[in-house]
Amino acid sequence: MYDGAGYFGFADQRDVPTVEGCLKRSLKKLLNEDVPIIGASRTDRGVHALGQVISFKAGPKIEIGDFPGALNFLLPADIRVLSSEEVLDDFHARFSARGKEYCYSVFVGREIPFNLRNYAHHARRELDLPAMEKAAMHLIGEHDFSSFAQEIAGSPIRRIDAIDIIENAHKMGKFLEFRFRGNGFLYKMIRTIMGTLIEVGLNKKSPDKINEILKACDRKCAGVTASPHGLCLIGVNYGK
C-alpha cells in the first residue's frame, strides 16, 4: 500500500519520485541486483493504493516471507509491503488480474478537514445523491467508455460490475465513498466518471445524460476530470 501524495504515479520515470522507482531501488539494495517489477495498476500522480499488487523474479537470496519486513526497512514510510508469496512462473501482476476495485472519496462541506485534503475531493455544495445513484446505474455493464477516458491504448471496451455509494456523517460535513468494481479501467476513466457524477449531483447534468455521453464516444461530452487525491486502488482480483 502507499500514499500517492508525494509521487508522480506508480510507473518509474526519470528525475521524479515514483512508487515503482522506490521499490526497484529497495529491491536492488536487498538483493544486490536490478529487479524489474510489474504492477497490477499504473496509478496516476497523487493516487493512493491499499491493495496494489506487484510481481517480480528473484533468486533464493531471501526467504519469501521475509520480503515485507526487509523491504519496509528500506522503503520510505509512505510505502508499505503487506505480504509476499511465491507464485507460478506464468503469473503476471497486471495481465493475470480478473478485476479491480477502486474507491473515490468525496468530502461534502464548507471546509475540508486538514487530514482529508490529500485523500478526498472537496465538494463545497450539497450533492443530490439519488440523482448520482441513478446516473451511475447507466454505467453498469459492458460499454465503450471512450467518452470517459484519455489516451486510449487498445480497446475502449470495459465492464463495470458495480458502483456502490457509501455515505458517512462527519462533524464538519459528509464523507462519501464511491466504490467501483470492474474488469479494468481506462486512463483517468474513474476520475472522469466522478467529475461527471459530481456535475449530476450539482444538478448541472441530468442522470439520463449519462446514456448520451456513453453513446457519443467523445471525451468532450463528459464532465471535468476529478482530482486524483480522492482515488485509491482498493484491491485486485485474481480469482475466476
C-alpha atoms as a PDB file:
ATOM      1  CA  MET A   1       0.000   0.000   0.000  1.00  0.00           C
ATOM      2  CA  TYR A   2       1.123   3.590  -0.488  1.00  0.00           C
ATOM      3  CA  ASP A   3       0.210   7.211  -0.001  1.00  0.00           C
ATOM      4  CA  GLY A   4       0.486   8.650  -3.505  1.00  0.00           C
ATOM      5  CA  ALA A   5       0.509  12.324  -2.499  1.00  0.00           C
ATOM      6  CA  GLY A   6       4.284  12.633  -2.823  1.00  0.00           C
ATOM      7  CA  TYR A   7       4.718  10.595  -6.014  1.00  0.00           C
ATOM      8  CA  PHE A   8       4.340  11.138  -9.749  1.00  0.00           C
ATOM      9  CA  GLY A   9       2.344   7.930 -10.044  1.00  0.00           C
ATOM     10  CA  PHE A  10       3.329   4.278  -9.803  1.00  0.00           C
ATOM     11  CA  ALA A  11       5.306   3.839 -13.039  1.00  0.00           C
ATOM     12  CA  ASP A  12       9.011   4.641 -12.981  1.00  0.00           C
ATOM     13  CA  GLN A  13      10.003   7.989 -14.525  1.00  0.00           C
ATOM     14  CA  ARG A  14      13.308   9.770 -14.832  1.00  0.00           C
ATOM     15  CA  ASP A  15      14.143  12.538 -12.323  1.00  0.00           C
ATOM     16  CA  VAL A  16      10.856  12.406 -10.375  1.00  0.00           C
ATOM     17  CA  PRO A  17       9.808  10.249  -7.391  1.00  0.00           C
ATOM     18  CA  THR A  18       7.593   7.265  -8.233  1.00  0.00           C
ATOM     19  CA  VAL A  19       6.391   4.236  -6.303  1.00  0.00           C
ATOM     20  CA  GLU A  20       7.955   1.786  -8.752  1.00  0.00           C
ATOM     21  CA  GLY A  21      11.259   3.662  -8.588  1.00  0.00           C
ATOM     22  CA  CYS A  22      11.344   3.376  -4.779  1.00  0.00           C
ATOM     23  CA  LEU A  23      10.509  -0.328  -4.909  1.00  0.00           C
ATOM     24  CA  LYS A  24      13.195  -1.066  -7.511  1.00  0.00           C
ATOM     25  CA  ARG A  25      15.882   0.788  -5.564  1.00  0.00           C
ATOM     26  CA  SER A  26      14.951  -1.027  -2.369  1.00  0.00           C
ATOM     27  CA  LEU A  27      14.971  -4.415  -4.097  1.00  0.00           C
ATOM     28  CA  LYS A  28      18.396  -3.667  -5.561  1.00  0.00           C
ATOM     29  CA  LYS A  29      19.768  -2.863  -2.096  1.00  0.00           C
ATOM     30  CA  LEU A  30      18.192  -6.019  -0.688  1.00  0.00           C
ATOM     31  CA  LEU A  31      19.203  -8.450  -3.457  1.00  0.00           C
ATOM     32  CA  ASN A  32      22.252  -6.663  -4.895  1.00  0.00           C
ATOM     33  CA  GLU A  33      20.834  -6.825  -8.410  1.00  0.00           C
ATOM     34  CA  ASP A  34      18.440  -4.915 -10.658  1.00  0.00           C
ATOM     35  CA  VAL A  35      14.984  -6.471 -10.380  1.00  0.00           C
ATOM     36  CA  PRO A  36      12.307  -5.484 -12.943  1.00  0.00           C
ATOM     37  CA  ILE A  37       8.861  -5.339 -11.360  1.00  0.00           C
ATOM     38  CA  ILE A  38       5.321  -5.418 -12.750  1.00  0.00           C
ATOM     39  CA  GLY A  39       2.457  -3.548 -11.113  1.00  0.00           C
ATOM     40  CA  ALA A  40      -1.187  -4.557 -11.360  1.00  0.00           C
ATOM     41  CA  SER A  41      -2.160  -0.918 -11.947  1.00  0.00           C
ATOM     42  CA  ARG A  42      -0.229   2.133 -13.149  1.00  0.00           C
ATOM     43  CA  THR A  43      -1.850   4.581 -10.754  1.00  0.00           C
ATOM     44  CA  ASP A  44      -1.541   8.284 -11.635  1.00  0.00           C
ATOM     45  CA  ARG A  45       0.197  11.093  -9.789  1.00  0.00           C
ATOM     46  CA  GLY A  46      -1.389  11.632  -6.381  1.00  0.00           C
ATOM     47  CA  VAL A  47      -3.464   8.418  -6.464  1.00  0.00           C
ATOM     48  CA  HIS A  48      -3.221   6.108  -3.442  1.00  0.00           C
ATOM     49  CA  ALA A  49      -3.353   2.324  -3.048  1.00  0.00           C
ATOM     50  CA  LEU A  50      -4.351  -0.066  -0.295  1.00  0.00           C
ATOM     51  CA  GLY A  51      -4.319  -3.172  -2.486  1.00  0.00           C
ATOM     52  CA  GLN A  52      -1.679  -2.722  -5.187  1.00  0.00           C
ATOM     53  CA  VAL A  53      -0.009  -5.970  -6.313  1.00  0.00           C
ATOM     54  CA  ILE A  54       3.446  -6.311  -7.864  1.00  0.00           C
ATOM     55  CA  SER A  55       5.289  -9.318  -9.225  1.00  0.00           C
ATOM     56  CA  PHE A  56       8.994  -9.893  -9.851  1.00  0.00           C
ATOM     57  CA  LYS A  57      11.509 -12.731 -10.214  1.00  0.00           C
ATOM     58  CA  ALA A  58      14.403 -13.069  -7.809  1.00  0.00           C
ATOM     59  CA  GLY A  59      16.926 -15.702  -6.808  1.00  0.00           C
ATOM     60  CA  PRO A  60      16.873 -17.600  -3.489  1.00  0.00           C
ATOM     61  CA  LYS A  61      18.744 -14.907  -1.548  1.00  0.00           C
ATOM     62  CA  ILE A  62      15.976 -14.308   0.955  1.00  0.00           C
ATOM     63  CA  GLU A  63      13.016 -16.316   2.253  1.00  0.00           C
ATOM     64  CA  ILE A  64       9.664 -15.398   0.650  1.00  0.00           C
ATOM     65  CA  GLY A  65       8.050 -14.492   3.955  1.00  0.00           C
ATOM     66  CA  ASP A  66      10.924 -12.170   4.894  1.00  0.00           C
ATOM     67  CA  PHE A  67      10.374  -9.729   1.997  1.00  0.00           C
ATOM     68  CA  PRO A  68       7.807  -7.443   3.738  1.00  0.00           C
ATOM     69  CA  GLY A  69       9.962  -6.741   6.785  1.00  0.00           C
ATOM     70  CA  ALA A  70      13.183  -6.404   4.805  1.00  0.00           C
ATOM     71  CA  LEU A  71      11.692  -4.095   2.185  1.00  0.00           C
ATOM     72  CA  ASN A  72       9.795  -1.960   4.681  1.00  0.00           C
ATOM     73  CA  PHE A  73      13.088  -1.323   6.476  1.00  0.00           C
ATOM     74  CA  LEU A  74      14.468   0.143   3.226  1.00  0.00           C
ATOM     75  CA  LEU A  75      11.341   1.865   1.878  1.00  0.00           C
ATOM     76  CA  PRO A  76      10.046   5.324   2.864  1.00  0.00           C
ATOM     77  CA  ALA A  77       7.259   5.329   5.446  1.00  0.00           C
ATOM     78  CA  ASP A  78       4.557   6.148   2.864  1.00  0.00           C
ATOM     79  CA  ILE A  79       5.119   2.844   1.014  1.00  0.00           C
ATOM     80  CA  ARG A  80       4.483  -0.411   2.897  1.00  0.00           C
ATOM     81  CA  VAL A  81       4.706  -4.046   1.768  1.00  0.00           C
ATOM     82  CA  LEU A  82       1.943  -6.018   3.487  1.00  0.00           C
ATOM     83  CA  SER A  83       2.637  -9.597   2.398  1.00  0.00           C
ATOM     84  CA  SER A  84       4.576 -11.748  -0.054  1.00  0.00           C
ATOM     85  CA  GLU A  85       4.127 -15.190  -1.563  1.00  0.00           C
ATOM     86  CA  GLU A  86       5.589 -17.430  -4.222  1.00  0.00           C
ATOM     87  CA  VAL A  87       3.561 -17.703  -7.443  1.00  0.00           C
ATOM     88  CA  LEU A  88       3.654 -19.783 -10.618  1.00  0.00           C
ATOM     89  CA  ASP A  89       6.035 -18.747 -13.394  1.00  0.00           C
ATOM     90  CA  ASP A  90       3.175 -17.616 -15.624  1.00  0.00           C
ATOM     91  CA  PHE A  91       1.732 -15.209 -13.030  1.00  0.00           C
ATOM     92  CA  HIS A  92       1.668 -11.592 -14.176  1.00  0.00           C
ATOM     93  CA  ALA A  93       0.513  -8.899 -11.735  1.00  0.00           C
ATOM     94  CA  ARG A  94      -1.265  -6.986 -14.493  1.00  0.00           C
ATOM     95  CA  PHE A  95      -2.402  -9.499 -17.094  1.00  0.00           C
ATOM     96  CA  SER A  96      -3.416 -12.232 -14.639  1.00  0.00           C
ATOM     97  CA  ALA A  97      -5.850  -9.851 -12.927  1.00  0.00           C
ATOM     98  CA  ARG A  98      -9.549 -10.622 -13.464  1.00  0.00           C
ATOM     99  CA  GLY A  99     -10.848  -7.422 -11.918  1.00  0.00           C
ATOM    100  CA  LYS A 100     -10.022  -4.368  -9.834  1.00  0.00           C
ATOM    101  CA  GLU A 101     -11.744  -2.281  -7.193  1.00  0.00           C
ATOM    102  CA  TYR A 102     -11.214   1.420  -6.689  1.00  0.00           C
ATOM    103  CA  CYS A 103     -12.670   3.838  -4.161  1.00  0.00           C
ATOM    104  CA  TYR A 104     -13.185   7.543  -4.855  1.00  0.00           C
ATOM    105  CA  SER A 105     -13.757   9.668  -1.739  1.00  0.00           C
ATOM    106  CA  VAL A 106     -15.649  12.965  -1.641  1.00  0.00           C
ATOM    107  CA  PHE A 107     -15.931  15.278   1.343  1.00  0.00           C
ATOM    108  CA  VAL A 108     -19.027  17.493   1.292  1.00  0.00           C
ATOM    109  CA  GLY A 109     -18.791  20.571   3.489  1.00  0.00           C
ATOM    110  CA  ARG A 110     -17.794  24.223   3.573  1.00  0.00           C
ATOM    111  CA  GLU A 111     -14.232  23.426   4.693  1.00  0.00           C
ATOM    112  CA  ILE A 112     -12.376  20.150   4.299  1.00  0.00           C
ATOM    113  CA  PRO A 113     -10.541  18.821   7.393  1.00  0.00           C
ATOM    114  CA  PHE A 114      -6.767  19.127   7.015  1.00  0.00           C
ATOM    115  CA  ASN A 115      -6.290  15.367   7.417  1.00  0.00           C
ATOM    116  CA  LEU A 116      -8.524  14.705   4.390  1.00  0.00           C
ATOM    117  CA  ARG A 117      -7.177  17.318   1.979  1.00  0.00           C
ATOM    118  CA  ASN A 118      -4.911  14.795   0.191  1.00  0.00           C
ATOM    119  CA  TYR A 119      -7.411  11.928   0.363  1.00  0.00           C
ATOM    120  CA  ALA A 120     -10.765  13.285  -0.832  1.00  0.00           C
ATOM    121  CA  HIS A 121     -12.290  15.559  -3.445  1.00  0.00           C
ATOM    122  CA  HIS A 122     -13.785  18.643  -1.805  1.00  0.00           C
ATOM    123  CA  ALA A 123     -17.398  19.476  -2.735  1.00  0.00           C
ATOM    124  CA  ARG A 124     -18.490  22.683  -1.006  1.00  0.00           C
ATOM    125  CA  ARG A 125     -22.120  22.377  -2.060  1.00  0.00           C
ATOM    126  CA  GLU A 126     -24.595  19.636  -1.143  1.00  0.00           C
ATOM    127  CA  LEU A 127     -24.812  16.812  -3.688  1.00  0.00           C
ATOM    128  CA  ASP A 128     -28.001  15.154  -4.926  1.00  0.00           C
ATOM    129  CA  LEU A 129     -27.134  11.539  -4.093  1.00  0.00           C
ATOM    130  CA  PRO A 130     -30.313   9.934  -5.541  1.00  0.00           C
ATOM    131  CA  ALA A 131     -29.557  11.630  -8.865  1.00  0.00           C
ATOM    132  CA  MET A 132     -25.946  10.436  -8.749  1.00  0.00           C
ATOM    133  CA  GLU A 133     -27.070   6.880  -7.970  1.00  0.00           C
ATOM    134  CA  LYS A 134     -29.472   6.961 -10.911  1.00  0.00           C
ATOM    135  CA  ALA A 135     -26.738   8.266 -13.201  1.00  0.00           C
ATOM    136  CA  ALA A 136     -24.292   5.603 -12.005  1.00  0.00           C
ATOM    137  CA  MET A 137     -26.729   2.826 -12.933  1.00  0.00           C
ATOM    138  CA  HIS A 138     -26.337   3.758 -16.612  1.00  0.00           C
ATOM    139  CA  LEU A 139     -22.637   2.908 -16.356  1.00  0.00           C
ATOM    140  CA  ILE A 140     -23.118  -0.650 -15.094  1.00  0.00           C
ATOM    141  CA  GLY A 141     -22.340  -3.319 -17.674  1.00  0.00           C
ATOM    142  CA  GLU A 142     -20.028  -3.537 -20.673  1.00  0.00           C
ATOM    143  CA  HIS A 143     -19.694  -0.323 -22.674  1.00  0.00           C
ATOM    144  CA  ASP A 144     -17.405   1.689 -24.896  1.00  0.00           C
ATOM    145  CA  PHE A 145     -16.032   4.163 -22.330  1.00  0.00           C
ATOM    146  CA  SER A 146     -14.236   6.417 -24.831  1.00  0.00           C
ATOM    147  CA  SER A 147     -16.152   9.450 -23.517  1.00  0.00           C
ATOM    148  CA  PHE A 148     -14.714   8.895 -20.040  1.00  0.00           C
ATOM    149  CA  ALA A 149     -11.054   8.280 -20.845  1.00  0.00           C
ATOM    150  CA  GLN A 150      -7.915   9.920 -22.171  1.00  0.00           C
ATOM    151  CA  GLU A 151      -5.096   8.497 -24.289  1.00  0.00           C
ATOM    152  CA  ILE A 152      -6.859   5.220 -25.090  1.00  0.00           C
ATOM    153  CA  ALA A 153      -4.465   2.399 -25.990  1.00  0.00           C
ATOM    154  CA  GLY A 154      -6.229  -0.667 -27.349  1.00  0.00           C
ATOM    155  CA  SER A 155      -9.917  -1.372 -26.903  1.00  0.00           C
ATOM    156  CA  PRO A 156     -12.083   1.202 -25.062  1.00  0.00           C
ATOM    157  CA  ILE A 157     -14.500  -1.552 -24.042  1.00  0.00           C
ATOM    158  CA  ARG A 158     -14.672  -2.171 -20.305  1.00  0.00           C
ATOM    159  CA  ARG A 159     -17.140  -3.773 -17.900  1.00  0.00           C
ATOM    160  CA  ILE A 160     -18.263  -2.156 -14.644  1.00  0.00           C
ATOM    161  CA  ASP A 161     -19.862  -4.706 -12.315  1.00  0.00           C
ATOM    162  CA  ALA A 162     -20.918  -2.350  -9.521  1.00  0.00           C
ATOM    163  CA  ILE A 163     -20.781   1.230  -8.302  1.00  0.00           C
ATOM    164  CA  ASP A 164     -21.655   1.414  -4.612  1.00  0.00           C
ATOM    165  CA  ILE A 165     -22.108   4.743  -2.838  1.00  0.00           C
ATOM    166  CA  ILE A 166     -21.466   4.763   0.922  1.00  0.00           C
ATOM    167  CA  GLU A 167     -22.435   7.820   2.968  1.00  0.00           C
ATOM    168  CA  ASN A 168     -20.878   8.591   6.361  1.00  0.00           C
ATOM    169  CA  ALA A 169     -21.644  11.517   8.651  1.00  0.00           C
ATOM    170  CA  HIS A 170     -18.795  13.819   9.690  1.00  0.00           C
ATOM    171  CA  LYS A 171     -18.893  16.616  12.238  1.00  0.00           C
ATOM    172  CA  MET A 172     -17.696  19.067   9.582  1.00  0.00           C
ATOM    173  CA  GLY A 173     -19.886  17.740   6.767  1.00  0.00           C
ATOM    174  CA  LYS A 174     -20.350  14.447   4.982  1.00  0.00           C
ATOM    175  CA  PHE A 175     -17.911  11.796   3.738  1.00  0.00           C
ATOM    176  CA  LEU A 176     -18.858   9.810   0.638  1.00  0.00           C
ATOM    177  CA  GLU A 177     -17.212   6.736  -0.841  1.00  0.00           C
ATOM    178  CA  PHE A 178     -17.864   5.697  -4.447  1.00  0.00           C
ATOM    179  CA  ARG A 179     -16.677   2.106  -4.910  1.00  0.00           C
ATOM    180  CA  PHE A 180     -16.076   0.887  -8.463  1.00  0.00           C
ATOM    181  CA  ARG A 181     -15.677  -2.797  -9.321  1.00  0.00           C
ATOM    182  CA  GLY A 182     -14.947  -3.955 -12.849  1.00  0.00           C
ATOM    183  CA  ASN A 183     -12.693  -5.941 -15.138  1.00  0.00           C
ATOM    184  CA  GLY A 184     -10.428  -2.954 -15.772  1.00  0.00           C
ATOM    185  CA  PHE A 185     -10.403   0.812 -16.179  1.00  0.00           C
ATOM    186  CA  LEU A 186      -9.035   3.141 -18.844  1.00  0.00           C
ATOM    187  CA  TYR A 187      -6.629   6.015 -18.207  1.00  0.00           C
ATOM    188  CA  LYS A 188      -8.381   8.588 -15.967  1.00  0.00           C
ATOM    189  CA  MET A 189     -11.695   6.772 -16.536  1.00  0.00           C
ATOM    190  CA  ILE A 190     -12.846   6.728 -12.907  1.00  0.00           C
ATOM    191  CA  ARG A 191     -11.815  10.330 -12.306  1.00  0.00           C
ATOM    192  CA  THR A 192     -13.740  11.460 -15.401  1.00  0.00           C
ATOM    193  CA  ILE A 193     -16.773   9.447 -14.358  1.00  0.00           C
ATOM    194  CA  MET A 194     -16.571  11.072 -10.928  1.00  0.00           C
ATOM    195  CA  GLY A 195     -16.276  14.550 -12.400  1.00  0.00           C
ATOM    196  CA  THR A 196     -19.407  13.826 -14.432  1.00  0.00           C
ATOM    197  CA  LEU A 197     -21.312  12.318 -11.499  1.00  0.00           C
ATOM    198  CA  ILE A 198     -20.461  15.344  -9.364  1.00  0.00           C
ATOM    199  CA  GLU A 199     -21.940  17.586 -12.075  1.00  0.00           C
ATOM    200  CA  VAL A 200     -25.090  15.448 -11.868  1.00  0.00           C
ATOM    201  CA  GLY A 201     -25.026  15.839  -8.095  1.00  0.00           C
ATOM    202  CA  LEU A 202     -24.844  19.614  -8.517  1.00  0.00           C
ATOM    203  CA  ASN A 203     -27.812  19.438 -10.956  1.00  0.00           C
ATOM    204  CA  LYS A 204     -25.653  20.645 -13.846  1.00  0.00           C
ATOM    205  CA  LYS A 205     -26.456  17.455 -15.788  1.00  0.00           C
ATOM    206  CA  SER A 206     -29.457  15.144 -15.628  1.00  0.00           C
ATOM    207  CA  PRO A 207     -28.897  11.485 -14.664  1.00  0.00           C
ATOM    208  CA  ASP A 208     -30.166  10.314 -18.064  1.00  0.00           C
ATOM    209  CA  LYS A 209     -27.500  12.433 -19.785  1.00  0.00           C
ATOM    210  CA  ILE A 210     -25.027   9.636 -18.995  1.00  0.00           C
ATOM    211  CA  ASN A 211     -26.536   7.472 -21.740  1.00  0.00           C
ATOM    212  CA  GLU A 212     -25.985  10.210 -24.318  1.00  0.00           C
ATOM    213  CA  ILE A 213     -22.401  10.696 -23.147  1.00  0.00           C
ATOM    214  CA  LEU A 214     -21.663   6.957 -23.432  1.00  0.00           C
ATOM    215  CA  LYS A 215     -23.102   6.735 -26.948  1.00  0.00           C
ATOM    216  CA  ALA A 216     -21.205   9.823 -28.137  1.00  0.00           C
ATOM    217  CA  CYS A 217     -17.779   8.174 -27.593  1.00  0.00           C
ATOM    218  CA  ASP A 218     -16.372  11.683 -27.311  1.00  0.00           C
ATOM    219  CA  ARG A 219     -14.363  12.890 -24.305  1.00  0.00           C
ATOM    220  CA  LYS A 220     -15.659  16.446 -24.823  1.00  0.00           C
ATOM    221  CA  CYS A 221     -19.170  15.307 -23.875  1.00  0.00           C
ATOM    222  CA  ALA A 222     -18.266  14.155 -20.350  1.00  0.00           C
ATOM    223  CA  GLY A 223     -17.528  16.289 -17.304  1.00  0.00           C
ATOM    224  CA  VAL A 224     -14.212  17.504 -15.935  1.00  0.00           C
ATOM    225  CA  THR A 225     -11.608  15.093 -14.605  1.00  0.00           C
ATOM    226  CA  ALA A 226     -11.894  14.994 -10.810  1.00  0.00           C
ATOM    227  CA  SER A 227      -8.898  15.433  -8.508  1.00  0.00           C
ATOM    228  CA  PRO A 228      -6.547  12.421  -8.184  1.00  0.00           C
ATOM    229  CA  HIS A 229      -6.384  12.786  -4.391  1.00  0.00           C
ATOM    230  CA  GLY A 230      -9.750  11.115  -3.870  1.00  0.00           C
ATOM    231  CA  LEU A 231      -8.829   7.943  -5.774  1.00  0.00           C
ATOM    232  CA  CYS A 232      -7.482   4.793  -4.140  1.00  0.00           C
ATOM    233  CA  LEU A 233      -6.855   1.303  -5.531  1.00  0.00           C
ATOM    234  CA  ILE A 234      -8.584  -0.988  -3.033  1.00  0.00           C
ATOM    235  CA  GLY A 235      -7.712  -4.380  -4.430  1.00  0.00           C
ATOM    236  CA  VAL A 236      -7.053  -6.667  -7.380  1.00  0.00           C
ATOM    237  CA  ASN A 237      -8.979  -9.875  -8.050  1.00  0.00           C
ATOM    238  CA  TYR A 238      -7.108 -12.909  -9.393  1.00  0.00           C
ATOM    239  CA  GLY A 239      -9.957 -15.397  -8.945  1.00  0.00           C
ATOM    240  CA  LYS A 240     -12.197 -16.908 -11.596  1.00  0.00           C
END
